[in-house]
Amino acid sequence: MPGSRTSLGKLSRHTLLLTAILLPALAGIGPARAEDAPKQLMLDQPTGAVTEKCQPVPDGAAQSQLPLRQSFADNFNGDSLDNDVWTNHYQGHDYTVENRTLAPNSEQQIYVDRRFMDAGIDPFVLKDGILHIMANKTPEAYLGKFKGLRYTSGLITTRNTFYQAFGYFEIRARMTRGHAYWPAFWMMRQRADWPPEIDIFETGGDKPESVDMTTHWRQDGRGKHVSTHCNVQVPGNDKEFHTYGVLWTKERMVYYIDRKPIGQFITPPGLDSADRPMYLLANLAVQKTANDKTPTPASLDIDWIAAYRF
């Protein structure tokens, strides 16, 4: 499917490098109250040597402060999702089931909005400055229309409104816990070719504290698919909010938890050009292993999504 992870299958789980980084100090921070994304940031940027594969940023590593200014933000302070900003399906027609799931991943959810097929199912609940993307069982009356997809859930993308190459991209979120859930915050190009893809976080609902941060590209910008990622342990992230971010520069990419740099690598071919911007996506998927142990309803909770320029 053009402009989506259809080609991905589940390849983000089969990466070139798994770097386990334990961050016990992060447990318990990130209060549940809603906040607004800051208009400006001073971000710690590693300055030491970097390799092609994601490697941990050690404590005490040389860093410089990078000033950033906000280029995009939604703090979800309204009563409903802003449809002038967010699109709720992948590239293509909004009325087809095929553009509202990723069949090659064998996902079991359909991404709906309250207008889709006049079903009136709204997976987006805004309350007290938090967006809750809700997953639930598909009503029996719509199983046929939804082509047997057993769960409804939500996807938000800026595909029609916001793109950016280079900068810092961040979400403040509380993860989903529950068997077979697969929340993610990621970036794609509008062009149909895949990769590249930048996954700022992916995690499974069985162990939401195990967070994958992955980047995909083509070797030499045109060859076979390659990828690298760091796996980060964030205890209690289904109970507390944390920020998850990526700094994307021409020279290096750095992953962050709570604005602490935790992994970095050389910016790969195809992602080292300012003329190839990407858009933002956040979603709550349901994997094919969903069964009676999969709790409903379930929620991915988002305080803000923001982007910054140098």
Protein backbone atom coordinates (compact mmCIF):
# COMPACT_ATOMS: atom_id res chain seq x y z
CA MET A 1 0.00 0.00 0.00
CA PRO A 2 1.57 3.34 -1.02
CA GLY A 3 2.62 5.53 1.88
CA SER A 4 2.31 2.90 4.60
CA ARG A 5 4.22 0.06 6.25
CA THR A 6 2.62 -2.59 4.01
CA SER A 7 6.02 -3.73 2.81
CA LEU A 8 7.28 -3.94 6.38
CA GLY A 9 5.43 -7.08 7.39
CA LYS A 10 7.05 -7.35 10.80
CA LEU A 11 10.63 -6.66 9.73
CA SER A 12 11.17 -4.09 12.46
CA ARG A 13 11.43 -7.05 14.84
CA HIS A 14 14.29 -8.54 12.74
CA THR A 15 16.89 -5.82 12.75
CA LEU A 16 20.64 -5.81 12.33
CA LEU A 17 21.42 -4.84 15.88
CA LEU A 18 19.71 -5.20 19.23
CA THR A 19 21.23 -2.93 21.83
CA ALA A 20 19.63 -3.45 25.23
CA ILE A 21 19.78 -0.30 27.29
CA LEU A 22 18.46 -0.37 30.83
CA LEU A 23 17.09 2.90 32.13
CA PRO A 24 15.89 2.15 35.66
CA ALA A 25 16.30 5.81 36.56
CA LEU A 26 13.37 6.61 34.29
CA ALA A 27 10.91 4.60 36.35
CA GLY A 28 8.40 6.73 38.15
CA ILE A 29 9.09 10.02 36.37
CA GLY A 30 6.75 11.61 33.88
CA PRO A 31 3.66 12.72 35.82
CA ALA A 32 0.19 11.83 34.55
CA ARG A 33 -1.00 15.43 34.37
CA ALA A 34 -1.39 17.00 30.95
CA GLU A 35 1.24 19.47 29.80
CA ASP A 36 1.91 21.46 26.63
CA ALA A 37 4.88 20.87 24.38
CA PRO A 38 7.49 23.61 24.94
CA LYS A 39 7.83 26.23 22.21
CA GLN A 40 11.63 26.09 22.43
CA LEU A 41 14.09 23.46 23.61
CA MET A 42 17.76 23.12 24.47
CA LEU A 43 18.53 19.51 23.60
CA ASP A 44 21.66 17.59 24.63
CA GLN A 45 23.29 16.37 21.41
CA PRO A 46 26.10 13.78 21.50
CA THR A 47 29.23 14.93 19.69
CA GLY A 48 31.48 11.86 19.84
CA ALA A 49 32.18 9.20 17.25
CA VAL A 50 29.20 7.42 15.75
CA THR A 51 28.81 4.17 13.80
CA GLU A 52 26.38 2.80 11.21
CA LYS A 53 24.59 0.68 13.82
CA CYS A 54 22.65 1.98 16.79
CA GLN A 55 24.95 2.12 19.80
CA PRO A 56 24.22 3.32 23.33
CA VAL A 57 25.15 6.85 24.33
CA PRO A 58 27.21 6.26 27.49
CA ASP A 59 26.80 8.37 30.58
CA GLY A 60 29.34 11.17 30.53
CA ALA A 61 29.63 11.20 26.73
CA ALA A 62 30.64 14.52 25.16
CA GLN A 63 27.57 16.60 24.31
CA SER A 64 26.68 20.06 23.12
CA GLN A 65 23.41 21.93 23.59
CA LEU A 66 21.29 22.31 20.48
CA PRO A 67 18.69 25.12 20.47
CA LEU A 68 15.39 24.14 18.84
CA ARG A 69 12.22 26.03 17.94
CA GLN A 70 8.82 24.43 17.55
CA SER A 71 7.58 23.87 13.98
CA PHE A 72 4.51 21.74 14.75
CA ALA A 73 2.53 20.76 17.83
CA ASP A 74 -0.81 19.39 18.88
CA ASN A 75 -1.39 19.44 22.65
CA PHE A 76 -4.84 17.85 22.32
CA ASN A 77 -6.46 20.50 24.49
CA GLY A 78 -9.74 20.57 22.57
CA ASP A 79 -12.88 18.51 22.90
CA SER A 80 -12.34 16.49 19.71
CA LEU A 81 -9.57 15.51 17.33
CA ASP A 82 -8.63 18.29 14.91
CA ASN A 83 -9.57 16.94 11.49
CA ASP A 84 -7.85 19.90 9.84
CA VAL A 85 -4.56 18.48 11.12
CA TRP A 86 -4.97 14.71 11.32
CA THR A 87 -5.87 12.08 8.71
CA ASN A 88 -7.16 8.74 10.03
CA HIS A 89 -6.18 6.33 7.26
CA TYR A 90 -3.23 5.43 5.07
CA GLN A 91 -2.65 6.85 1.60
CA GLY A 92 -5.58 6.36 -0.76
CA HIS A 93 -9.35 6.54 -0.46
CA ASP A 94 -10.72 7.03 3.03
CA TYR A 95 -13.72 4.74 2.51
CA THR A 96 -11.88 1.45 1.89
CA VAL A 97 -11.02 -1.10 4.55
CA GLU A 98 -7.71 -1.80 2.79
CA ASN A 99 -6.45 1.72 3.57
CA ARG A 100 -7.32 1.35 7.23
CA THR A 101 -5.21 -1.65 8.24
CA LEU A 102 -1.94 -3.33 7.23
CA ALA A 103 -2.94 -6.74 5.96
CA PRO A 104 0.64 -7.98 5.28
CA ASN A 105 1.26 -7.57 9.02
CA SER A 106 -1.83 -9.74 9.69
CA GLU A 107 -3.12 -6.95 11.91
CA GLN A 108 -6.56 -7.50 13.39
CA GLN A 109 -7.73 -3.89 13.74
CA ILE A 110 -9.44 -1.50 11.39
CA TYR A 111 -8.65 2.17 11.91
CA VAL A 112 -11.96 3.98 12.06
CA ASP A 113 -13.30 7.46 12.68
CA ARG A 114 -16.83 8.48 13.52
CA ARG A 115 -17.66 9.08 9.84
CA PHE A 116 -16.35 5.80 8.43
CA MET A 117 -19.16 3.72 6.85
CA ASP A 118 -21.63 5.68 8.99
CA ALA A 119 -20.79 3.34 11.86
CA GLY A 120 -20.40 6.20 14.33
CA ILE A 121 -17.43 4.51 16.02
CA ASP A 122 -15.03 7.13 17.36
CA PRO A 123 -11.75 5.72 18.75
CA PHE A 124 -10.49 9.19 19.73
CA VAL A 125 -11.38 10.43 23.20
CA LEU A 126 -9.99 13.79 24.33
CA LYS A 127 -10.21 14.54 28.03
CA ASP A 128 -8.22 16.89 30.25
CA GLY A 129 -5.63 17.56 27.56
CA ILE A 130 -4.96 13.89 26.76
CA LEU A 131 -5.79 12.05 23.54
CA HIS A 132 -6.84 8.47 24.21
CA ILE A 133 -6.67 6.24 21.13
CA MET A 134 -9.10 3.48 22.05
CA ALA A 135 -9.10 -0.10 20.79
CA ASN A 136 -12.24 -2.16 21.21
CA LYS A 137 -13.97 -5.20 19.78
CA THR A 138 -15.72 -4.66 16.47
CA PRO A 139 -19.51 -4.66 16.86
CA GLU A 140 -21.00 -7.84 15.40
CA ALA A 141 -23.11 -5.79 13.00
CA TYR A 142 -19.97 -4.43 11.32
CA LEU A 143 -17.77 -7.53 11.13
CA GLY A 144 -18.87 -8.17 7.56
CA LYS A 145 -18.41 -4.59 6.41
CA PHE A 146 -15.02 -4.47 8.13
CA LYS A 147 -13.94 -7.71 6.38
CA GLY A 148 -13.70 -9.74 9.54
CA LEU A 149 -11.30 -7.42 11.36
CA ARG A 150 -12.09 -8.13 14.99
CA TYR A 151 -11.02 -4.84 16.56
CA THR A 152 -11.54 -1.15 15.94
CA SER A 153 -8.80 1.34 16.77
CA GLY A 154 -7.31 4.67 15.72
CA LEU A 155 -4.55 6.05 13.51
CA ILE A 156 -3.53 9.71 13.22
CA THR A 157 -1.18 11.04 10.54
CA THR A 158 -0.05 14.44 9.26
CA ARG A 159 0.20 13.09 5.70
CA ASN A 160 -1.93 15.91 4.31
CA THR A 161 -0.71 18.74 6.53
CA PHE A 162 2.85 18.53 7.88
CA TYR A 163 6.21 17.24 6.63
CA GLN A 164 9.74 17.99 7.76
CA ALA A 165 13.26 16.84 7.01
CA PHE A 166 15.81 17.15 9.82
CA GLY A 167 14.93 18.33 13.31
CA TYR A 168 13.70 16.83 16.55
CA PHE A 169 10.41 14.90 16.70
CA GLU A 170 8.74 13.97 19.98
CA ILE A 171 5.69 12.43 21.60
CA ARG A 172 4.69 12.43 25.25
CA ALA A 173 2.74 9.26 25.83
CA ARG A 174 1.64 6.53 28.20
CA MET A 175 1.88 3.03 26.74
CA THR A 176 -0.76 0.36 26.26
CA ARG A 177 -0.62 -2.83 28.31
CA GLY A 178 -2.50 -5.91 27.11
CA HIS A 179 -1.87 -9.00 25.04
CA ALA A 180 -1.33 -8.40 21.29
CA TYR A 181 -1.42 -4.59 21.34
CA TRP A 182 1.20 -2.79 19.24
CA PRO A 183 1.32 1.00 19.70
CA ALA A 184 3.74 3.07 17.63
CA PHE A 185 4.89 6.60 16.79
CA TRP A 186 6.74 6.76 13.48
CA MET A 187 7.59 8.72 10.33
CA MET A 188 7.13 8.01 6.62
CA ARG A 189 7.47 9.70 3.24
CA GLN A 190 4.44 10.43 1.12
CA ARG A 191 6.04 8.70 -1.84
CA ALA A 192 4.95 5.10 -2.33
CA ASP A 193 8.44 3.60 -2.02
CA TRP A 194 9.41 1.95 1.25
CA PRO A 195 11.74 2.21 3.11
CA PRO A 196 12.77 4.68 4.60
CA GLU A 197 10.90 4.67 7.88
CA ILE A 198 11.78 6.11 11.28
CA ASP A 199 10.13 4.38 14.24
CA ILE A 200 10.40 6.66 17.24
CA PHE A 201 8.82 3.95 19.33
CA GLU A 202 7.15 0.59 18.91
CA THR A 203 6.25 -1.68 21.78
CA GLY A 204 4.20 -4.79 22.44
CA GLY A 205 1.37 -4.72 24.94
CA ASP A 206 2.59 -7.88 26.67
CA LYS A 207 5.80 -6.06 27.70
CA PRO A 208 5.26 -2.34 27.05
CA GLU A 209 8.36 -1.48 29.07
CA SER A 210 10.47 -2.98 26.24
CA VAL A 211 10.60 -0.15 23.70
CA ASP A 212 12.04 -0.56 20.18
CA MET A 213 13.40 2.52 18.39
CA THR A 214 14.19 1.59 14.77
CA THR A 215 15.21 3.16 11.46
CA HIS A 216 14.82 1.48 8.06
CA TRP A 217 16.49 2.41 4.78
CA ARG A 218 17.85 0.99 1.54
CA GLN A 219 21.51 0.11 1.23
CA ASP A 220 23.27 2.93 -0.65
CA GLY A 221 19.84 4.59 -0.90
CA ARG A 222 18.65 2.15 -3.58
CA GLY A 223 19.60 -1.42 -2.61
CA LYS A 224 18.25 -3.99 -0.19
CA HIS A 225 16.33 -3.15 2.96
CA VAL A 226 18.50 -2.68 6.06
CA SER A 227 17.71 -1.40 9.52
CA THR A 228 19.13 -0.78 12.95
CA HIS A 229 17.54 -0.25 16.32
CA CYS A 230 18.00 0.16 20.03
CA ASN A 231 15.83 -1.62 22.56
CA VAL A 232 15.24 0.42 25.69
CA GLN A 233 13.71 -0.73 28.98
CA VAL A 234 11.37 1.92 30.44
CA PRO A 235 9.78 0.45 33.59
CA GLY A 236 6.24 1.56 34.40
CA ASN A 237 5.65 3.33 31.09
CA ASP A 238 2.07 2.03 31.00
CA LYS A 239 1.41 3.98 34.21
CA GLU A 240 3.49 7.13 33.72
CA PHE A 241 3.98 9.50 30.80
CA HIS A 242 7.40 9.75 29.14
CA THR A 243 8.70 11.60 26.11
CA TYR A 244 10.08 9.59 23.18
CA GLY A 245 12.01 11.45 20.51
CA VAL A 246 14.45 11.31 17.63
CA LEU A 247 16.97 13.92 16.54
CA TRP A 248 17.48 13.67 12.77
CA THR A 249 20.42 15.55 11.30
CA LYS A 250 22.40 15.17 8.10
CA GLU A 251 25.25 13.51 10.00
CA ARG A 252 23.63 11.44 12.76
CA MET A 253 20.38 10.21 14.26
CA VAL A 254 19.86 10.10 18.02
CA TYR A 255 17.03 8.46 19.95
CA TYR A 256 15.86 10.00 23.23
CA ILE A 257 13.80 9.02 26.27
CA ASP A 258 12.73 11.96 28.42
CA ARG A 259 15.19 14.03 26.33
CA LYS A 260 18.10 11.89 27.45
CA PRO A 261 20.08 10.57 24.43
CA ILE A 262 20.12 6.77 24.63
CA GLY A 263 21.21 5.54 21.18
CA GLN A 264 22.77 6.97 18.02
CA PHE A 265 24.06 6.05 14.56
CA ILE A 266 25.19 7.65 11.30
CA THR A 267 22.32 9.05 9.25
CA PRO A 268 21.82 6.40 6.55
CA PRO A 269 21.64 6.91 2.77
CA GLY A 270 18.28 8.27 1.65
CA LEU A 271 17.77 10.08 4.95
CA ASP A 272 20.70 12.48 4.55
CA SER A 273 18.97 14.94 2.23
CA ALA A 274 16.87 17.95 3.25
CA ASP A 275 14.66 17.64 0.17
CA ARG A 276 13.00 14.41 1.35
CA PRO A 277 10.72 15.34 4.27
CA MET A 278 8.60 12.89 6.26
CA TYR A 279 5.25 13.03 8.04
CA LEU A 280 4.18 11.82 11.48
CA LEU A 281 1.98 8.85 12.43
CA ALA A 282 0.71 7.44 15.72
CA ASN A 283 -1.48 4.37 16.06
CA LEU A 284 -2.60 1.49 18.22
CA ALA A 285 -2.46 -1.76 16.24
CA VAL A 286 -3.68 -5.22 17.26
CA GLN A 287 -1.48 -8.15 16.28
CA LYS A 288 -2.65 -11.47 14.85
CA THR A 289 -2.09 -13.19 18.20
CA ALA A 290 -5.08 -11.40 19.72
CA ASN A 291 -7.37 -13.77 21.61
CA ASP A 292 -9.62 -13.95 24.67
CA LYS A 293 -6.70 -12.69 26.77
CA THR A 294 -6.63 -9.41 24.83
CA PRO A 295 -8.39 -6.88 27.10
CA THR A 296 -10.88 -4.37 25.72
CA PRO A 297 -11.13 -1.49 25.77
CA ALA A 298 -7.47 -0.52 25.68
CA SER A 299 -5.88 2.88 25.20
CA LEU A 300 -2.73 4.59 23.94
CA ASP A 301 -2.62 7.91 25.79
CA ILE A 302 -0.94 10.90 24.13
CA ASP A 303 -0.31 14.25 25.80
CA TRP A 304 1.35 15.91 22.82
CA ILE A 305 3.05 15.38 19.48
CA ALA A 306 5.58 18.02 18.46
CA ALA A 307 8.34 18.77 15.95
CA TYR A 308 11.24 21.21 16.15
CA ARG A 309 13.73 22.82 13.78
CA PHE A 310 17.37 23.69 14.45
